C-alpha cells in the first residue's frame, strides 16, 4: 500500500467513524493489521483438539466407518475447511473488514441482519452452550480426581436436568471462558500462540499410550466396527458433520483475516495450520478411541471415558485440561468473538463487543444446552441444523464476492450514514435473502421428511449441500437485483 492509498484509507476511516460506527467494526488500517503467517498457522492448531470434535469422530465409528474411512473423512474435512477459510477470508484480508460488514455487500445493509443473527446469535449461542457443557462434563472427571467425593455432592439435586457437581463445573468453565475473552485480543493472541504446543505434547503422549495398551498399530488397523458400512452417503454425512463443526469460523473467518499484514498470510497460514493439525488429530482420534476400546472394551467411544482409563490421576487431569484449552480456544475465537462483533454491528449504541459476548454466554446457558448433547443422534441433528444455516450463508457470500462483484467492493456502499439503505433501495438484497431462505428449507427439510431419500441425503450433508445449492442459485439469479446508488464495478483504494 503506497502513501496515497494510506492517506485515502485514513480519510475514509475518519469519515466512517464520524457516521457512528464502533471502533471494532471499522476497516482495519495498516497499523492495526498485525497478524502474520505464523498467527494464522497457530490460531486453530490447539482448537482442533476440542472435545466436540472428538465426539464427532467417535460418531463415525458408531455409524460403522472403518479406520481408513475415518482417516480419509478427517483429512477430506480438513481440506474442505481450509478451502473455505481461504476463499471466504480473502475479502477480509483485502479490505480489512470483518464478517458483519462484509455481509452488507452480499445481503444489503438491512438484509445483512438475517445472516448476522443466524451466525452471531442463534449459532453462536448454541455452540457456546453445547461446547461449555461438554467441557463441564470433563471437568467433573478432573475434579473427581482432585476431590474423590466431588460427584457425591448434594445427591438428588436437580436444576432443570442438571446435577449439582455438573452445575459447579459448568459455572467454573463459563467464568474461565468469558474471563479469557474479556482479556482482549492481545491476550487471545498470546493464548492461541502458546497454548497449542502444550496441547500437542499431552495429546501425542496420550495417543502413544493408547496405541501401546492396544498392542500397537496392528490391532488398531485390524479393528472392524460392530456395524460396518460401505455407504458413500454415510461417509459424506460424516465429512459434512466435521466440516459443520468448523462451519461458523468458515462463515466469519474475515473477522480474523481482516487483521492480516498481507493477503498471503492467511492464504498460506490457515491451510497449513489446519491440515497439519488434522493429520495429528486423525492419528490421536484413532489411537485414543480405538486403542482404549480394544484394551478396555469401552462402549460408544466416549473420549472422556477413554482418557479416564489411563488410571494415573495426574495424567488424566492434565490431558483433559489440555483438551479443554482447545475447546476454550474454539469457543472464544469461533463463537464469542463473532457473536460480539455481529451484535455490535446490529446495535452499536447498545453493545460493545465485550458486552455482547457476555450476553451470548448468558443466553447460551439459558437454552439449557445439556439437553442438546445426549447422544450421537442428537449431535448429528444439531450439525444438520447448524449446517443448514452456515452452508447457504457461505455459498451466497462466495458467489457474491467472486462471481457477482469480481472481488471488488465499494466500502462507501457498506459503511453508510445512519438511515441510508446503501446499494439496495430497500436495504435488502431480495435475491440473496430469498436464496438463503429457500436453501435453508431445502437443506433442513430432510430432517423432517426422512422418507424422501433425496431430501434425507441432502440433510445428512447439510453444510456442503447448502453451500452448493445456495451458491449455484445465487450465481444464476443475482442479475435480477436492481442496485440503486452504488456501482458494483467501482474499484476501491482500500484494498491492500
Protein backbone atom coordinates (compact mmCIF):
# COMPACT_ATOMS: atom_id res chain seq x y z
CA UNK A 1 0.00 0.00 0.00
CA UNK A 2 1.54 3.32 -1.10
CA UNK A 3 1.31 6.66 0.73
CA UNK A 4 -1.56 7.92 -1.43
CA UNK A 5 -3.60 4.81 -0.64
CA UNK A 6 -2.80 5.12 3.07
CA UNK A 7 -3.92 8.77 3.10
CA UNK A 8 -7.17 7.87 1.34
CA UNK A 9 -7.69 4.98 3.75
CA UNK A 10 -7.22 7.24 6.77
CA UNK A 11 -9.64 9.79 5.30
CA UNK A 12 -12.30 7.17 4.71
CA UNK A 13 -11.70 5.68 8.15
CA UNK A 14 -12.35 9.09 9.73
CA UNK A 15 -15.47 9.55 7.59
CA UNK A 16 -16.90 6.15 8.52
CA UNK A 17 -16.10 6.73 12.18
CA UNK A 18 -17.95 10.05 12.01
CA UNK A 19 -21.03 8.10 10.88
CA UNK A 20 -21.07 6.47 14.33
CA UNK A 21 -19.57 3.04 13.63
CA UNK A 22 -17.90 1.34 16.58
CA UNK A 23 -14.13 1.04 16.51
CA UNK A 24 -14.29 -2.77 16.40
CA UNK A 25 -16.17 -2.90 13.09
CA UNK A 26 -14.37 -0.16 11.17
CA UNK A 27 -11.95 -1.23 8.40
CA UNK A 28 -8.57 -2.18 9.84
CA UNK A 29 -5.92 0.36 8.91
CA UNK A 30 -2.34 -0.69 8.12
CA UNK A 31 -1.09 -0.22 11.69
CA UNK A 32 -3.86 -2.48 13.02
CA UNK A 33 -3.07 -5.32 10.66
CA UNK A 34 -0.73 -7.18 12.94
CA UNK A 35 -1.24 -10.88 12.14
CA UNK A 36 1.42 -12.67 10.11
CA UNK A 37 1.53 -16.19 8.67
CA UNK A 38 2.56 -17.76 11.99
CA UNK A 39 -0.50 -16.32 13.75
CA UNK A 40 -2.77 -17.98 11.19
CA UNK A 41 -0.88 -21.26 11.37
CA UNK A 42 -1.40 -21.46 15.13
CA UNK A 43 -4.84 -19.87 15.55
CA UNK A 44 -6.75 -23.17 15.21
CA UNK A 45 -3.98 -25.67 15.96
CA UNK A 46 -4.99 -26.04 19.59
CA UNK A 47 -8.70 -25.62 18.92
CA UNK A 48 -8.71 -28.62 16.56
CA UNK A 49 -8.25 -30.84 19.61
CA UNK A 50 -11.54 -29.96 21.27
CA UNK A 51 -13.89 -32.40 22.95
CA UNK A 52 -16.74 -31.83 20.50
CA UNK A 53 -14.51 -32.75 17.53
CA UNK A 54 -13.53 -35.99 19.28
CA UNK A 55 -17.21 -36.71 19.98
CA UNK A 56 -17.97 -36.13 16.30
CA UNK A 57 -15.31 -38.59 15.15
CA UNK A 58 -16.50 -41.08 17.77
CA UNK A 59 -19.80 -40.96 15.93
CA UNK A 60 -18.00 -42.10 12.74
CA UNK A 61 -17.17 -45.40 14.44
CA UNK A 62 -20.69 -45.74 15.83
CA UNK A 63 -22.06 -45.25 12.30
CA UNK A 64 -19.82 -48.03 11.01
CA UNK A 65 -16.86 -46.36 9.29
CA UNK A 66 -13.63 -48.37 9.15
CA UNK A 67 -10.26 -46.99 10.27
CA UNK A 68 -9.18 -45.97 6.72
CA UNK A 69 -12.60 -44.39 6.10
CA UNK A 70 -12.37 -42.40 9.32
CA UNK A 71 -8.90 -41.12 8.45
CA UNK A 72 -9.98 -40.18 4.93
CA UNK A 73 -13.09 -38.43 6.26
CA UNK A 74 -10.99 -36.40 8.72
CA UNK A 75 -8.46 -35.31 6.11
CA UNK A 76 -11.11 -34.51 3.48
CA UNK A 77 -12.90 -32.35 6.04
CA UNK A 78 -9.62 -30.55 6.79
CA UNK A 79 -9.09 -29.77 3.09
CA UNK A 80 -12.66 -28.51 2.65
CA UNK A 81 -12.44 -26.32 5.75
CA UNK A 82 -9.09 -24.92 4.57
CA UNK A 83 -10.52 -24.04 1.15
CA UNK A 84 -13.45 -22.35 2.88
CA UNK A 85 -11.08 -20.32 5.04
CA UNK A 86 -9.01 -19.14 2.11
CA UNK A 87 -11.89 -18.24 -0.20
CA UNK A 88 -14.20 -16.65 2.37
CA UNK A 89 -11.33 -14.93 4.14
CA UNK A 90 -9.94 -13.23 1.06
CA UNK A 91 -12.26 -10.21 1.14
CA UNK A 92 -11.41 -9.63 4.79
CA UNK A 93 -7.67 -9.57 4.21
CA UNK A 94 -8.02 -7.45 1.06
CA UNK A 95 -10.27 -4.76 2.52
CA UNK A 96 -9.66 -5.07 6.26
CA UNK A 97 -13.34 -5.60 7.08
CA UNK A 98 -14.99 -8.22 9.26
CA UNK A 99 -17.91 -10.54 8.71
CA UNK A 100 -20.68 -8.25 9.97
CA UNK A 101 -19.83 -5.53 7.45
CA UNK A 102 -18.90 -7.93 4.65
CA UNK A 103 -22.43 -9.32 4.87
CA UNK A 104 -23.75 -5.95 3.72
CA UNK A 105 -22.14 -6.43 0.32
CA UNK A 106 -23.91 -9.77 -0.10
CA UNK A 107 -27.28 -9.20 1.59
CA UNK A 108 -27.70 -5.41 1.77
CA UNK A 109 -27.44 -3.03 4.72
CA UNK A 110 -30.71 -4.25 6.28
CA UNK A 111 -30.68 -7.73 4.79
CA UNK A 112 -27.37 -8.47 6.49
CA UNK A 113 -29.24 -8.61 9.79
CA UNK A 114 -30.68 -12.02 8.85
CA UNK A 115 -27.38 -13.95 8.42
CA UNK A 116 -25.82 -11.92 11.23
CA UNK A 117 -28.48 -13.15 13.63
CA UNK A 118 -28.10 -16.72 12.31
CA UNK A 119 -24.35 -16.68 12.95
CA UNK A 120 -23.96 -14.30 15.85
CA UNK A 121 -26.96 -15.07 17.96
CA UNK A 122 -28.55 -18.42 17.10
CA UNK A 123 -25.45 -20.44 16.14
CA UNK A 124 -23.07 -18.58 18.44
CA UNK A 125 -25.35 -19.03 21.43
CA UNK A 126 -25.99 -22.72 20.75
CA UNK A 127 -22.33 -23.53 20.10
CA UNK A 128 -21.21 -21.70 23.24
CA UNK A 129 -23.69 -23.60 25.38
CA UNK A 130 -23.06 -27.05 23.92
CA UNK A 131 -19.27 -26.80 23.97
CA UNK A 132 -19.28 -25.43 27.51
CA UNK A 133 -21.48 -28.23 28.88
CA UNK A 134 -19.28 -30.83 27.14
CA UNK A 135 -16.27 -29.22 28.78
CA UNK A 136 -18.06 -29.16 32.12
CA UNK A 137 -18.64 -32.90 31.93
CA UNK A 138 -14.90 -33.40 31.52
CA UNK A 139 -14.32 -31.05 34.46
CA UNK A 140 -16.39 -33.49 36.52
CA UNK A 141 -13.71 -36.10 35.91
CA UNK A 142 -10.92 -33.61 36.69
CA UNK A 143 -12.50 -32.51 39.96
CA UNK A 144 -13.28 -36.12 40.88
CA UNK A 145 -9.59 -36.96 40.59
CA UNK A 146 -8.72 -34.00 42.79
CA UNK A 147 -11.62 -34.39 45.23
CA UNK A 148 -12.81 -38.05 45.37
CA UNK A 149 -16.23 -37.16 46.78
CA UNK A 150 -16.94 -34.45 44.22
CA UNK A 151 -19.67 -36.30 42.29
CA UNK A 152 -21.44 -37.19 45.54
CA UNK A 153 -22.17 -33.59 46.49
CA UNK A 154 -25.86 -32.88 47.11
CA UNK A 155 -27.28 -36.18 45.83
CA UNK A 156 -30.75 -35.79 44.41
CA UNK A 157 -30.17 -32.15 43.42
CA UNK A 158 -31.72 -31.37 40.04
CA UNK A 159 -31.83 -27.95 38.43
CA UNK A 160 -33.66 -28.19 35.12
CA UNK A 161 -31.99 -31.54 34.44
CA UNK A 162 -28.55 -30.57 35.75
CA UNK A 163 -26.99 -32.20 38.81
CA UNK A 164 -25.06 -30.11 41.33
CA UNK A 165 -21.46 -31.20 40.51
CA UNK A 166 -22.00 -30.58 36.77
CA UNK A 167 -23.57 -27.21 37.53
CA UNK A 168 -20.48 -26.20 39.52
CA UNK A 169 -18.19 -27.43 36.72
CA UNK A 170 -20.23 -25.50 34.17
CA UNK A 171 -20.02 -22.27 36.17
CA UNK A 172 -16.25 -22.64 36.61
CA UNK A 173 -15.66 -23.19 32.88
CA UNK A 174 -18.12 -20.42 31.97
CA UNK A 175 -16.19 -17.92 34.10
CA UNK A 176 -12.81 -19.04 32.69
CA UNK A 177 -14.02 -18.77 29.07
CA UNK A 178 -15.69 -15.39 29.42
CA UNK A 179 -12.81 -14.05 31.51
CA UNK A 180 -10.31 -15.05 28.83
CA UNK A 181 -12.36 -13.25 26.18
CA UNK A 182 -12.63 -10.10 28.29
CA UNK A 183 -8.83 -10.04 28.45
CA UNK A 184 -8.81 -8.61 24.93
CA UNK A 185 -7.29 -9.53 21.57
CA UNK A 186 -3.68 -9.32 22.77
CA UNK A 187 -4.34 -11.89 25.48
CA UNK A 188 -6.28 -14.04 22.99
CA UNK A 189 -3.42 -13.91 20.50
CA UNK A 190 -0.92 -14.96 23.16
CA UNK A 191 -3.28 -17.70 24.36
CA UNK A 192 -3.64 -19.08 20.82
CA UNK A 193 0.08 -18.84 20.13
CA UNK A 194 1.35 -20.62 23.26
CA UNK A 195 -1.48 -22.98 24.20
CA UNK A 196 -1.11 -25.08 21.04
CA UNK A 197 2.31 -26.56 21.89
CA UNK A 198 1.06 -27.51 25.37
CA UNK A 199 -1.95 -29.30 23.92
CA UNK A 200 0.16 -31.19 21.39
CA UNK A 201 2.65 -32.50 23.92
CA UNK A 202 -0.06 -34.16 26.01
CA UNK A 203 -2.26 -35.28 23.11
CA UNK A 204 0.66 -37.04 21.41
CA UNK A 205 1.62 -38.66 24.72
CA UNK A 206 -1.92 -39.95 25.23
CA UNK A 207 -2.10 -41.35 21.69
CA UNK A 208 1.19 -43.19 22.14
CA UNK A 209 -0.08 -44.66 25.42
CA UNK A 210 -3.40 -45.78 23.86
CA UNK A 211 -1.69 -47.38 20.86
CA UNK A 212 0.70 -49.18 23.22
CA UNK A 213 -2.04 -50.61 25.50
CA UNK A 214 -3.91 -51.79 22.39
CA UNK A 215 -0.86 -53.80 21.30
CA UNK A 216 0.48 -51.47 18.62
CA UNK A 217 -0.77 -50.23 15.26
CA UNK A 218 -1.56 -53.75 14.03
CA UNK A 219 -4.61 -54.41 16.24
CA UNK A 220 -5.84 -50.86 15.72
CA UNK A 221 -5.78 -51.06 11.91
CA UNK A 222 -7.31 -54.54 12.08
CA UNK A 223 -10.24 -53.19 14.08
CA UNK A 224 -13.66 -53.72 12.49
CA UNK A 225 -16.66 -51.66 13.71
CA UNK A 226 -19.66 -53.51 15.14
CA UNK A 227 -21.89 -52.47 12.22
CA UNK A 228 -19.56 -51.76 9.28
CA UNK A 229 -20.88 -49.73 6.35
CA UNK A 230 -19.69 -49.03 2.83
CA UNK A 231 -22.40 -46.46 2.06
CA UNK A 232 -20.96 -43.36 0.38
CA UNK A 233 -23.84 -41.31 1.84
CA UNK A 234 -22.78 -42.19 5.39
CA UNK A 235 -19.18 -41.23 4.56
CA UNK A 236 -20.30 -37.89 3.06
CA UNK A 237 -22.53 -37.24 6.08
CA UNK A 238 -19.56 -37.80 8.40
CA UNK A 239 -17.35 -35.44 6.40
CA UNK A 240 -20.10 -32.81 6.39
CA UNK A 241 -20.63 -33.16 10.16
CA UNK A 242 -16.96 -32.46 10.85
CA UNK A 243 -17.00 -29.56 8.39
CA UNK A 244 -20.11 -28.21 10.13
CA UNK A 245 -18.15 -28.24 13.37
CA UNK A 246 -16.00 -25.58 11.69
CA UNK A 247 -18.82 -24.02 9.70
CA UNK A 248 -19.06 -20.99 12.00
CA UNK A 249 -15.41 -19.99 11.61
CA UNK A 250 -15.66 -20.54 7.83
CA UNK A 251 -18.59 -18.12 7.67
CA UNK A 252 -16.94 -15.37 9.74
CA UNK A 253 -13.24 -16.07 9.05
CA UNK A 254 -12.91 -12.47 7.83
CA UNK A 255 -13.10 -11.41 11.49
CA UNK A 256 -9.58 -12.87 11.72
CA UNK A 257 -8.27 -12.27 8.18
CA UNK A 258 -9.05 -8.55 8.43
CA UNK A 259 -6.01 -8.33 10.72
CA UNK A 260 -3.65 -9.83 8.11
CA UNK A 261 -0.45 -7.95 7.30
CA UNK A 262 -0.64 -9.32 3.75
CA UNK A 263 -3.13 -11.31 1.69
CA UNK A 264 -0.67 -14.21 1.63
CA UNK A 265 -0.52 -14.57 5.42
CA UNK A 266 -3.94 -16.24 5.89
CA UNK A 267 -3.83 -17.89 2.45
CA UNK A 268 -0.73 -19.81 3.49
CA UNK A 269 -1.13 -19.94 7.27
CA UNK A 270 -4.72 -21.15 7.65
CA UNK A 271 -4.48 -24.24 5.38
CA UNK A 272 -1.02 -25.12 6.67
CA UNK A 273 -2.13 -24.99 10.29
CA UNK A 274 -5.46 -26.75 9.72
CA UNK A 275 -4.21 -29.62 7.55
CA UNK A 276 -1.10 -30.26 9.65
CA UNK A 277 -3.22 -30.21 12.79
CA UNK A 278 -5.73 -32.63 11.33
CA UNK A 279 -3.05 -35.14 10.40
CA UNK A 280 -2.16 -35.37 14.08
CA UNK A 281 -5.83 -35.11 15.09
CA UNK A 282 -6.66 -38.13 12.92
CA UNK A 283 -3.88 -40.22 14.45
CA UNK A 284 -4.76 -39.27 18.03
CA UNK A 285 -8.50 -39.82 17.42
CA UNK A 286 -7.96 -43.32 16.09
CA UNK A 287 -5.31 -44.10 18.70
CA UNK A 288 -7.30 -42.91 21.70
CA UNK A 289 -10.78 -44.02 20.70
CA UNK A 290 -9.97 -47.38 19.13
CA UNK A 291 -6.96 -48.17 21.32
CA UNK A 292 -8.93 -47.82 24.56
CA UNK A 293 -11.91 -49.64 23.04
CA UNK A 294 -9.68 -52.61 22.22
CA UNK A 295 -7.81 -52.56 25.55
CA UNK A 296 -10.70 -51.84 27.92
CA UNK A 297 -13.86 -52.69 25.96
CA UNK A 298 -15.35 -49.21 26.29
CA UNK A 299 -18.73 -48.62 24.69
CA UNK A 300 -19.82 -45.73 22.44
CA UNK A 301 -16.24 -44.43 22.02
CA UNK A 302 -16.59 -41.87 24.84
CA UNK A 303 -13.44 -39.70 24.69
CA UNK A 304 -13.64 -38.61 28.33
CA UNK A 305 -14.12 -42.22 29.48
CA UNK A 306 -11.23 -43.24 27.22
CA UNK A 307 -8.90 -40.75 28.87
CA UNK A 308 -10.13 -41.77 32.32
CA UNK A 309 -8.88 -45.32 31.66
CA UNK A 310 -5.30 -44.04 31.87
CA UNK A 311 -5.54 -44.57 35.63
CA UNK A 312 -2.89 -42.04 36.59
CA UNK A 313 -4.86 -39.13 38.10
CA UNK A 314 -2.23 -36.55 37.17
CA UNK A 315 -2.14 -37.70 33.53
CA UNK A 316 -5.96 -37.70 33.30
CA UNK A 317 -6.22 -34.20 34.77
CA UNK A 318 -3.51 -32.73 32.56
CA UNK A 319 -4.84 -34.31 29.36
CA UNK A 320 -8.44 -33.23 29.97
CA UNK A 321 -7.22 -29.74 30.80
CA UNK A 322 -5.27 -29.73 27.51
CA UNK A 323 -8.39 -30.69 25.57
CA UNK A 324 -10.36 -28.01 27.39
CA UNK A 325 -7.76 -25.46 26.36
CA UNK A 326 -8.51 -26.44 22.76
CA UNK A 327 -12.26 -26.22 23.35
CA UNK A 328 -11.94 -22.86 25.08
CA UNK A 329 -9.85 -21.50 22.20
CA UNK A 330 -12.58 -22.60 19.78
CA UNK A 331 -15.37 -21.08 21.86
CA UNK A 332 -13.57 -17.75 22.21
CA UNK A 333 -12.41 -17.31 18.60
CA UNK A 334 -15.23 -19.22 16.91
CA UNK A 335 -18.24 -18.09 18.95
CA UNK A 336 -17.84 -15.25 21.45
CA UNK A 337 -15.78 -13.03 19.13
CA UNK A 338 -18.10 -13.29 16.10
CA UNK A 339 -21.22 -13.05 18.26
CA UNK A 340 -19.87 -9.89 19.87
CA UNK A 341 -18.98 -8.37 16.51
CA UNK A 342 -22.36 -9.19 14.94
CA UNK A 343 -24.37 -7.71 17.81
CA UNK A 344 -22.17 -4.62 17.90
CA UNK A 345 -22.74 -4.10 14.18
CA UNK A 346 -26.50 -4.54 14.59
CA UNK A 347 -26.85 -2.30 17.67
CA UNK A 348 -23.69 -0.19 18.02
CA UNK A 349 -25.30 2.17 20.53
CA UNK A 350 -26.39 -0.68 22.78
CA UNK A 351 -23.47 -3.12 22.72
CA UNK A 352 -19.73 -3.27 22.72
CA UNK A 353 -18.05 -6.49 21.55
CA UNK A 354 -17.41 -7.50 25.16
CA UNK A 355 -20.90 -6.79 26.50
CA UNK A 356 -22.45 -8.59 23.53
CA UNK A 357 -20.22 -11.61 24.12
CA UNK A 358 -21.28 -11.75 27.77
CA UNK A 359 -24.93 -11.72 26.69
CA UNK A 360 -24.17 -14.57 24.25
CA UNK A 361 -22.69 -16.60 27.11
CA UNK A 362 -25.71 -15.92 29.32
CA UNK A 363 -28.24 -16.87 26.63
CA UNK A 364 -26.10 -19.89 25.79
CA UNK A 365 -26.78 -21.11 29.32
CA UNK A 366 -30.48 -20.22 29.36
CA UNK A 367 -31.16 -22.53 26.39
CA UNK A 368 -30.26 -25.50 28.68
CA UNK A 369 -27.52 -26.90 26.39
CA UNK A 370 -27.15 -30.09 28.47
CA UNK A 371 -30.41 -31.24 26.86
CA UNK A 372 -28.91 -30.91 23.35
CA UNK A 373 -25.90 -33.24 23.67
CA UNK A 374 -27.33 -36.53 24.81
CA UNK A 375 -26.01 -38.91 22.17
CA UNK A 376 -24.72 -39.32 18.62
CA UNK A 377 -28.16 -38.89 17.02
CA UNK A 378 -28.76 -35.58 18.83
CA UNK A 379 -25.28 -34.34 17.96
CA UNK A 380 -25.70 -35.06 14.24
CA UNK A 381 -29.17 -33.48 14.25
CA UNK A 382 -27.51 -30.40 15.75
CA UNK A 383 -24.94 -30.41 12.93
CA UNK A 384 -27.73 -30.71 10.36
CA UNK A 385 -29.46 -27.63 11.77
CA UNK A 386 -26.25 -25.60 12.02
CA UNK A 387 -25.04 -26.70 8.59
CA UNK A 388 -28.38 -25.70 7.06
CA UNK A 389 -27.62 -22.11 8.13
CA UNK A 390 -23.85 -21.95 7.70
CA UNK A 391 -23.70 -23.65 4.29
CA UNK A 392 -26.15 -21.35 2.44
CA UNK A 393 -24.64 -18.21 4.00
CA UNK A 394 -21.17 -19.29 2.85
CA UNK A 395 -22.37 -20.17 -0.64
CA UNK A 396 -24.05 -16.79 -1.15
CA UNK A 397 -21.06 -14.86 0.20
CA UNK A 398 -18.66 -16.67 -2.13
CA UNK A 399 -20.90 -16.31 -5.20
CA UNK A 400 -21.45 -12.62 -4.43
CA UNK A 401 -17.80 -11.73 -3.95
CA UNK A 402 -16.15 -13.85 -6.64
CA UNK A 403 -18.83 -14.06 -9.35
CA UNK A 404 -21.12 -11.06 -8.93
CA UNK A 405 -18.57 -8.48 -7.78
CA UNK A 406 -15.40 -9.89 -9.35
CA UNK A 407 -13.54 -9.45 -6.00
CA UNK A 408 -14.20 -5.68 -5.93
CA UNK A 409 -16.06 -3.97 -3.08
CA UNK A 410 -17.18 -0.37 -2.64
CA UNK A 411 -16.82 0.35 1.08
CA UNK A 412 -18.83 3.56 0.78
CA UNK A 413 -21.86 1.41 -0.06
CA UNK A 414 -21.16 -0.72 3.03
CA UNK A 415 -20.35 1.96 5.62
CA UNK A 416 -23.34 4.24 5.05
CA UNK A 417 -24.84 7.04 7.13
CA UNK A 418 -27.46 6.18 9.71
CA UNK A 419 -30.77 5.73 7.88
CA UNK A 420 -29.26 5.17 4.43
CA UNK A 421 -30.02 1.88 2.71
CA UNK A 422 -26.79 1.67 0.74
CA UNK A 423 -26.66 -0.19 -2.54
CA UNK A 424 -30.23 -1.54 -2.50
CA UNK A 425 -33.22 0.77 -2.43
CA UNK A 426 -34.98 -1.12 0.34
CA UNK A 427 -31.76 -2.02 2.14
CA UNK A 428 -32.32 -5.69 1.27
CA UNK A 429 -30.70 -7.78 -1.42
CA UNK A 430 -34.00 -9.55 -2.03
CA UNK A 431 -32.45 -12.22 -4.25
CA UNK A 432 -29.81 -13.17 -1.65
CA UNK A 433 -32.32 -13.22 1.21
CA UNK A 434 -34.73 -15.36 -0.83
CA UNK A 435 -32.00 -17.79 -1.85
CA UNK A 436 -30.91 -18.05 1.80
CA UNK A 437 -34.44 -18.93 2.93
CA UNK A 438 -35.06 -21.42 0.12
CA UNK A 439 -31.67 -23.12 0.60
CA UNK A 440 -32.20 -23.38 4.35
CA UNK A 441 -35.62 -25.01 3.91
CA UNK A 442 -34.39 -27.45 1.27
CA UNK A 443 -31.36 -28.45 3.31
CA UNK A 444 -33.18 -28.86 6.62
CA UNK A 445 -36.33 -30.47 5.22
CA UNK A 446 -34.69 -33.90 5.05
CA UNK A 447 -34.56 -33.95 8.85
CA UNK A 448 -38.36 -33.71 8.85
CA UNK A 449 -39.29 -35.68 5.73
CA UNK A 450 -36.94 -38.60 6.29
CA UNK A 451 -38.86 -40.88 3.94
CA UNK A 452 -37.92 -38.73 0.92
CA UNK A 453 -34.49 -40.13 0.08
CA UNK A 454 -33.18 -37.13 -1.85
CA UNK A 455 -34.06 -34.66 0.92
CA UNK A 456 -32.73 -37.01 3.60
CA UNK A 457 -29.39 -37.31 1.76
CA UNK A 458 -29.17 -33.51 1.39
CA UNK A 459 -29.90 -33.04 5.08
CA UNK A 460 -27.22 -35.52 6.15
CA UNK A 461 -24.61 -33.40 4.34
CA UNK A 462 -26.27 -30.12 5.31
CA UNK A 463 -23.28 -27.74 5.19
CA UNK A 464 -21.89 -28.95 1.87
CA UNK A 465 -25.31 -29.33 0.24
CA UNK A 466 -26.50 -25.95 1.50
CA UNK A 467 -23.35 -24.18 0.29
CA UNK A 468 -23.60 -25.69 -3.20
CA UNK A 469 -27.36 -25.14 -3.56
CA UNK A 470 -27.22 -21.51 -2.38
CA UNK A 471 -24.05 -20.68 -4.31
CA UNK A 472 -25.42 -22.03 -7.59
CA UNK A 473 -28.86 -20.45 -7.10
CA UNK A 474 -27.40 -17.04 -6.34
CA UNK A 475 -24.90 -17.20 -9.22
CA UNK A 476 -27.83 -17.89 -11.57
CA UNK A 477 -30.18 -15.22 -10.19
CA UNK A 478 -28.12 -12.30 -8.86
CA UNK A 479 -28.70 -10.29 -12.06
CA UNK A 480 -32.33 -9.94 -11.01
CA UNK A 481 -31.13 -7.39 -8.44
CA UNK A 482 -31.64 -3.71 -9.12
CA UNK A 483 -28.95 -1.75 -7.24
CA UNK A 484 -29.93 1.85 -6.60
CA UNK A 485 -26.99 4.01 -5.60
CA UNK A 486 -23.67 2.21 -5.60
CA UNK A 487 -21.95 0.73 -8.61
CA UNK A 488 -20.88 -2.88 -8.35
CA UNK A 489 -17.91 -2.12 -10.56
CA UNK A 490 -16.39 0.71 -8.56
CA UNK A 491 -12.82 -0.20 -7.55
CA UNK A 492 -11.84 0.72 -4.04
CA UNK A 493 -8.48 2.07 -2.92
CA UNK A 494 -8.77 0.44 0.49
CA UNK A 495 -7.66 -2.89 -0.97
CA UNK A 496 -4.22 -3.85 0.26
